[in-house]
Amino acid sequence: MDIKKANRFRIAATLILGLTAVFWLITGILGMIGGVPNEIYNIVFAVIVLFLIALSSRRPLMWGIITSSLGVVLAMYFLIALPDFYTALLPLLLMCAPLAISGLLFIEADWAMKKKD
Protein backbone atom coordinates (compact mmCIF):
# COMPACT_ATOMS: atom_id res chain seq x y z
CA MET A 1 0.00 0.00 0.00
CA ASP A 2 2.83 2.40 0.77
CA ILE A 3 4.38 1.77 -2.63
CA LYS A 4 1.18 2.97 -4.31
CA LYS A 5 1.17 6.08 -2.15
CA ALA A 6 4.86 6.72 -2.89
CA ASN A 7 4.22 6.35 -6.61
CA ARG A 8 1.34 8.83 -6.43
CA PHE A 9 3.56 11.39 -4.72
CA ARG A 10 6.34 10.80 -7.26
CA ILE A 11 3.94 11.12 -10.22
CA ALA A 12 2.43 14.32 -8.81
CA ALA A 13 5.88 15.83 -8.28
CA THR A 14 7.02 14.83 -11.76
CA LEU A 15 3.83 16.22 -13.29
CA ILE A 16 4.26 19.57 -11.53
CA LEU A 17 7.90 19.88 -12.57
CA GLY A 18 7.15 18.65 -16.09
CA LEU A 19 4.39 21.21 -16.63
CA THR A 20 6.68 23.92 -15.27
CA ALA A 21 9.45 22.90 -17.66
CA VAL A 22 7.08 22.80 -20.65
CA PHE A 23 5.69 26.23 -19.75
CA TRP A 24 9.12 27.86 -19.51
CA LEU A 25 10.37 26.08 -22.64
CA ILE A 26 7.41 27.30 -24.70
CA THR A 27 7.71 30.80 -23.21
CA GLY A 28 11.42 30.91 -24.06
CA ILE A 29 10.97 29.66 -27.61
CA LEU A 30 8.08 32.02 -28.35
CA GLY A 31 10.01 34.92 -26.83
CA MET A 32 13.06 34.15 -28.95
CA ILE A 33 10.91 33.97 -32.08
CA GLY A 34 9.31 37.29 -31.11
CA GLY A 35 12.70 38.90 -30.61
CA VAL A 36 12.43 39.43 -26.86
CA PRO A 37 15.93 39.82 -25.40
CA ASN A 38 17.23 37.42 -22.74
CA GLU A 39 14.64 34.70 -23.38
CA ILE A 40 17.44 32.14 -23.34
CA TYR A 41 17.19 32.24 -19.54
CA ASN A 42 13.71 30.72 -19.73
CA ILE A 43 15.03 27.86 -21.84
CA VAL A 44 17.95 27.36 -19.44
CA PHE A 45 15.52 27.22 -16.52
CA ALA A 46 13.40 24.65 -18.38
CA VAL A 47 16.47 22.48 -19.02
CA ILE A 48 17.48 22.71 -15.35
CA VAL A 49 13.98 21.65 -14.31
CA LEU A 50 14.11 18.69 -16.71
CA PHE A 51 17.50 17.79 -15.23
CA LEU A 52 15.97 17.91 -11.74
CA ILE A 53 13.16 15.58 -12.87
CA ALA A 54 15.67 13.04 -14.16
CA LEU A 55 17.75 13.12 -10.99
CA SER A 56 14.80 13.17 -8.58
CA SER A 57 13.38 10.01 -10.07
CA ARG A 58 16.53 8.11 -9.10
CA ARG A 59 17.17 9.54 -5.63
CA PRO A 60 13.98 11.27 -4.49
CA LEU A 61 15.10 12.21 -0.96
CA MET A 62 18.36 13.92 -1.85
CA TRP A 63 17.15 15.63 -5.00
CA GLY A 64 13.81 16.48 -3.41
CA ILE A 65 15.69 18.39 -0.73
CA ILE A 66 17.82 20.10 -3.38
CA THR A 67 14.78 20.95 -5.51
CA SER A 68 12.77 22.43 -2.65
CA SER A 69 15.84 24.31 -1.39
CA LEU A 70 16.36 25.75 -4.85
CA GLY A 71 12.76 26.97 -4.82
CA VAL A 72 13.27 28.67 -1.46
CA VAL A 73 16.59 30.25 -2.51
CA LEU A 74 15.02 31.57 -5.72
CA ALA A 75 12.11 32.97 -3.71
CA MET A 76 14.50 34.81 -1.41
CA TYR A 77 16.40 36.14 -4.43
CA PHE A 78 13.24 37.46 -6.09
CA LEU A 79 12.01 39.04 -2.88
CA ILE A 80 15.36 40.81 -2.37
CA ALA A 81 16.13 41.73 -5.99
CA LEU A 82 12.72 42.99 -7.07
CA PRO A 83 11.38 46.29 -5.73
CA ASP A 84 8.19 45.05 -4.05
CA PHE A 85 6.20 41.94 -3.32
CA TYR A 86 3.69 42.45 -6.12
CA THR A 87 6.46 42.56 -8.71
CA ALA A 88 7.91 39.35 -7.27
CA LEU A 89 4.57 37.56 -7.09
CA LEU A 90 4.58 36.23 -10.66
CA PRO A 91 8.08 34.68 -10.48
CA LEU A 92 7.26 33.32 -7.04
CA LEU A 93 4.15 31.55 -8.33
CA LEU A 94 5.56 30.37 -11.66
CA MET A 95 9.09 29.38 -10.65
CA CYS A 96 9.52 29.03 -6.92
CA ALA A 97 6.25 27.43 -5.85
CA PRO A 98 6.43 24.48 -8.29
CA LEU A 99 10.03 23.77 -7.28
CA ALA A 100 9.28 23.87 -3.57
CA ILE A 101 6.06 21.85 -3.81
CA SER A 102 7.49 19.16 -6.08
CA GLY A 103 10.61 18.89 -3.95
CA LEU A 104 8.45 18.29 -0.89
CA LEU A 105 6.42 15.71 -2.80
CA PHE A 106 9.61 13.85 -3.78
CA ILE A 107 10.69 13.86 -0.13
CA GLU A 108 7.29 12.51 0.91
CA ALA A 109 7.50 9.83 -1.80
CA ASP A 110 10.79 8.63 -0.37
CA TRP A 111 9.41 8.63 3.17
CA ALA A 112 6.28 6.77 2.08
CA MET A 113 8.45 4.14 0.42
CA LYS A 114 10.51 3.61 3.58
CA LYS A 115 7.59 3.77 6.00
CA LYS A 116 6.90 0.53 7.85
CA ASP A 117 3.58 -0.08 9.54
C-alpha atoms as a PDB file:
ATOM      1  CA  MET A   1       0.000   0.000   0.000  1.00  0.00           C
ATOM      2  CA  ASP A   2       2.832   2.402   0.771  1.00  0.00           C
ATOM      3  CA  ILE A   3       4.384   1.771  -2.629  1.00  0.00           C
ATOM      4  CA  LYS A   4       1.180   2.968  -4.306  1.00  0.00           C
ATOM      5  CA  LYS A   5       1.168   6.085  -2.150  1.00  0.00           C
ATOM      6  CA  ALA A   6       4.855   6.717  -2.892  1.00  0.00           C
ATOM      7  CA  ASN A   7       4.224   6.347  -6.611  1.00  0.00           C
ATOM      8  CA  ARG A   8       1.337   8.829  -6.430  1.00  0.00           C
ATOM      9  CA  PHE A   9       3.558  11.392  -4.721  1.00  0.00           C
ATOM     10  CA  ARG A  10       6.336  10.799  -7.259  1.00  0.00           C
ATOM     11  CA  ILE A  11       3.944  11.115 -10.222  1.00  0.00           C
ATOM     12  CA  ALA A  12       2.435  14.319  -8.809  1.00  0.00           C
ATOM     13  CA  ALA A  13       5.882  15.834  -8.280  1.00  0.00           C
ATOM     14  CA  THR A  14       7.021  14.826 -11.764  1.00  0.00           C
ATOM     15  CA  LEU A  15       3.834  16.221 -13.291  1.00  0.00           C
ATOM     16  CA  ILE A  16       4.261  19.570 -11.527  1.00  0.00           C
ATOM     17  CA  LEU A  17       7.897  19.883 -12.574  1.00  0.00           C
ATOM     18  CA  GLY A  18       7.147  18.654 -16.090  1.00  0.00           C
ATOM     19  CA  LEU A  19       4.392  21.213 -16.626  1.00  0.00           C
ATOM     20  CA  THR A  20       6.677  23.923 -15.269  1.00  0.00           C
ATOM     21  CA  ALA A  21       9.451  22.897 -17.663  1.00  0.00           C
ATOM     22  CA  VAL A  22       7.077  22.800 -20.645  1.00  0.00           C
ATOM     23  CA  PHE A  23       5.692  26.234 -19.746  1.00  0.00           C
ATOM     24  CA  TRP A  24       9.123  27.858 -19.513  1.00  0.00           C
ATOM     25  CA  LEU A  25      10.372  26.083 -22.638  1.00  0.00           C
ATOM     26  CA  ILE A  26       7.408  27.302 -24.702  1.00  0.00           C
ATOM     27  CA  THR A  27       7.711  30.799 -23.214  1.00  0.00           C
ATOM     28  CA  GLY A  28      11.417  30.908 -24.061  1.00  0.00           C
ATOM     29  CA  ILE A  29      10.968  29.657 -27.607  1.00  0.00           C
ATOM     30  CA  LEU A  30       8.081  32.024 -28.355  1.00  0.00           C
ATOM     31  CA  GLY A  31      10.013  34.919 -26.830  1.00  0.00           C
ATOM     32  CA  MET A  32      13.064  34.151 -28.954  1.00  0.00           C
ATOM     33  CA  ILE A  33      10.912  33.972 -32.081  1.00  0.00           C
ATOM     34  CA  GLY A  34       9.307  37.292 -31.111  1.00  0.00           C
ATOM     35  CA  GLY A  35      12.703  38.902 -30.611  1.00  0.00           C
ATOM     36  CA  VAL A  36      12.428  39.427 -26.856  1.00  0.00           C
ATOM     37  CA  PRO A  37      15.928  39.819 -25.401  1.00  0.00           C
ATOM     38  CA  ASN A  38      17.234  37.415 -22.743  1.00  0.00           C
ATOM     39  CA  GLU A  39      14.637  34.704 -23.375  1.00  0.00           C
ATOM     40  CA  ILE A  40      17.436  32.140 -23.343  1.00  0.00           C
ATOM     41  CA  TYR A  41      17.190  32.243 -19.538  1.00  0.00           C
ATOM     42  CA  ASN A  42      13.710  30.718 -19.725  1.00  0.00           C
ATOM     43  CA  ILE A  43      15.032  27.861 -21.841  1.00  0.00           C
ATOM     44  CA  VAL A  44      17.950  27.361 -19.442  1.00  0.00           C
ATOM     45  CA  PHE A  45      15.515  27.225 -16.517  1.00  0.00           C
ATOM     46  CA  ALA A  46      13.402  24.645 -18.382  1.00  0.00           C
ATOM     47  CA  VAL A  47      16.471  22.485 -19.023  1.00  0.00           C
ATOM     48  CA  ILE A  48      17.478  22.714 -15.347  1.00  0.00           C
ATOM     49  CA  VAL A  49      13.981  21.646 -14.311  1.00  0.00           C
ATOM     50  CA  LEU A  50      14.114  18.685 -16.713  1.00  0.00           C
ATOM     51  CA  PHE A  51      17.499  17.790 -15.232  1.00  0.00           C
ATOM     52  CA  LEU A  52      15.965  17.910 -11.743  1.00  0.00           C
ATOM     53  CA  ILE A  53      13.165  15.578 -12.867  1.00  0.00           C
ATOM     54  CA  ALA A  54      15.666  13.035 -14.156  1.00  0.00           C
ATOM     55  CA  LEU A  55      17.751  13.124 -10.989  1.00  0.00           C
ATOM     56  CA  SER A  56      14.800  13.172  -8.585  1.00  0.00           C
ATOM     57  CA  SER A  57      13.376  10.012 -10.074  1.00  0.00           C
ATOM     58  CA  ARG A  58      16.530   8.115  -9.105  1.00  0.00           C
ATOM     59  CA  ARG A  59      17.175   9.544  -5.631  1.00  0.00           C
ATOM     60  CA  PRO A  60      13.975  11.273  -4.487  1.00  0.00           C
ATOM     61  CA  LEU A  61      15.099  12.211  -0.964  1.00  0.00           C
ATOM     62  CA  MET A  62      18.363  13.923  -1.846  1.00  0.00           C
ATOM     63  CA  TRP A  63      17.150  15.633  -4.997  1.00  0.00           C
ATOM     64  CA  GLY A  64      13.809  16.476  -3.408  1.00  0.00           C
ATOM     65  CA  ILE A  65      15.694  18.385  -0.725  1.00  0.00           C
ATOM     66  CA  ILE A  66      17.816  20.097  -3.376  1.00  0.00           C
ATOM     67  CA  THR A  67      14.777  20.954  -5.508  1.00  0.00           C
ATOM     68  CA  SER A  68      12.765  22.427  -2.652  1.00  0.00           C
ATOM     69  CA  SER A  69      15.837  24.306  -1.386  1.00  0.00           C
ATOM     70  CA  LEU A  70      16.356  25.750  -4.854  1.00  0.00           C
ATOM     71  CA  GLY A  71      12.758  26.970  -4.825  1.00  0.00           C
ATOM     72  CA  VAL A  72      13.272  28.670  -1.457  1.00  0.00           C
ATOM     73  CA  VAL A  73      16.586  30.248  -2.511  1.00  0.00           C
ATOM     74  CA  LEU A  74      15.017  31.568  -5.722  1.00  0.00           C
ATOM     75  CA  ALA A  75      12.111  32.969  -3.706  1.00  0.00           C
ATOM     76  CA  MET A  76      14.504  34.811  -1.412  1.00  0.00           C
ATOM     77  CA  TYR A  77      16.399  36.135  -4.429  1.00  0.00           C
ATOM     78  CA  PHE A  78      13.245  37.462  -6.092  1.00  0.00           C
ATOM     79  CA  LEU A  79      12.012  39.042  -2.876  1.00  0.00           C
ATOM     80  CA  ILE A  80      15.357  40.806  -2.368  1.00  0.00           C
ATOM     81  CA  ALA A  81      16.126  41.730  -5.991  1.00  0.00           C
ATOM     82  CA  LEU A  82      12.720  42.989  -7.075  1.00  0.00           C
ATOM     83  CA  PRO A  83      11.379  46.287  -5.727  1.00  0.00           C
ATOM     84  CA  ASP A  84       8.185  45.053  -4.052  1.00  0.00           C
ATOM     85  CA  PHE A  85       6.201  41.935  -3.318  1.00  0.00           C
ATOM     86  CA  TYR A  86       3.685  42.454  -6.120  1.00  0.00           C
ATOM     87  CA  THR A  87       6.461  42.556  -8.714  1.00  0.00           C
ATOM     88  CA  ALA A  88       7.913  39.355  -7.270  1.00  0.00           C
ATOM     89  CA  LEU A  89       4.568  37.562  -7.092  1.00  0.00           C
ATOM     90  CA  LEU A  90       4.582  36.227 -10.657  1.00  0.00           C
ATOM     91  CA  PRO A  91       8.084  34.684 -10.482  1.00  0.00           C
ATOM     92  CA  LEU A  92       7.256  33.322  -7.040  1.00  0.00           C
ATOM     93  CA  LEU A  93       4.148  31.550  -8.329  1.00  0.00           C
ATOM     94  CA  LEU A  94       5.559  30.373 -11.662  1.00  0.00           C
ATOM     95  CA  MET A  95       9.088  29.377 -10.653  1.00  0.00           C
ATOM     96  CA  CYS A  96       9.524  29.027  -6.918  1.00  0.00           C
ATOM     97  CA  ALA A  97       6.249  27.427  -5.848  1.00  0.00           C
ATOM     98  CA  PRO A  98       6.430  24.482  -8.294  1.00  0.00           C
ATOM     99  CA  LEU A  99      10.026  23.771  -7.283  1.00  0.00           C
ATOM    100  CA  ALA A 100       9.278  23.873  -3.569  1.00  0.00           C
ATOM    101  CA  ILE A 101       6.063  21.851  -3.814  1.00  0.00           C
ATOM    102  CA  SER A 102       7.487  19.162  -6.075  1.00  0.00           C
ATOM    103  CA  GLY A 103      10.609  18.885  -3.948  1.00  0.00           C
ATOM    104  CA  LEU A 104       8.454  18.293  -0.889  1.00  0.00           C
ATOM    105  CA  LEU A 105       6.424  15.709  -2.803  1.00  0.00           C
ATOM    106  CA  PHE A 106       9.615  13.851  -3.782  1.00  0.00           C
ATOM    107  CA  ILE A 107      10.686  13.859  -0.126  1.00  0.00           C
ATOM    108  CA  GLU A 108       7.294  12.514   0.912  1.00  0.00           C
ATOM    109  CA  ALA A 109       7.497   9.830  -1.805  1.00  0.00           C
ATOM    110  CA  ASP A 110      10.793   8.629  -0.369  1.00  0.00           C
ATOM    111  CA  TRP A 111       9.413   8.634   3.170  1.00  0.00           C
ATOM    112  CA  ALA A 112       6.280   6.771   2.085  1.00  0.00           C
ATOM    113  CA  MET A 113       8.450   4.137   0.418  1.00  0.00           C
ATOM    114  CA  LYS A 114      10.513   3.607   3.580  1.00  0.00           C
ATOM    115  CA  LYS A 115       7.590   3.771   6.005  1.00  0.00           C
ATOM    116  CA  LYS A 116       6.905   0.534   7.845  1.00  0.00           C
ATOM    117  CA  ASP A 117       3.584  -0.077   9.536  1.00  0.00           C
END
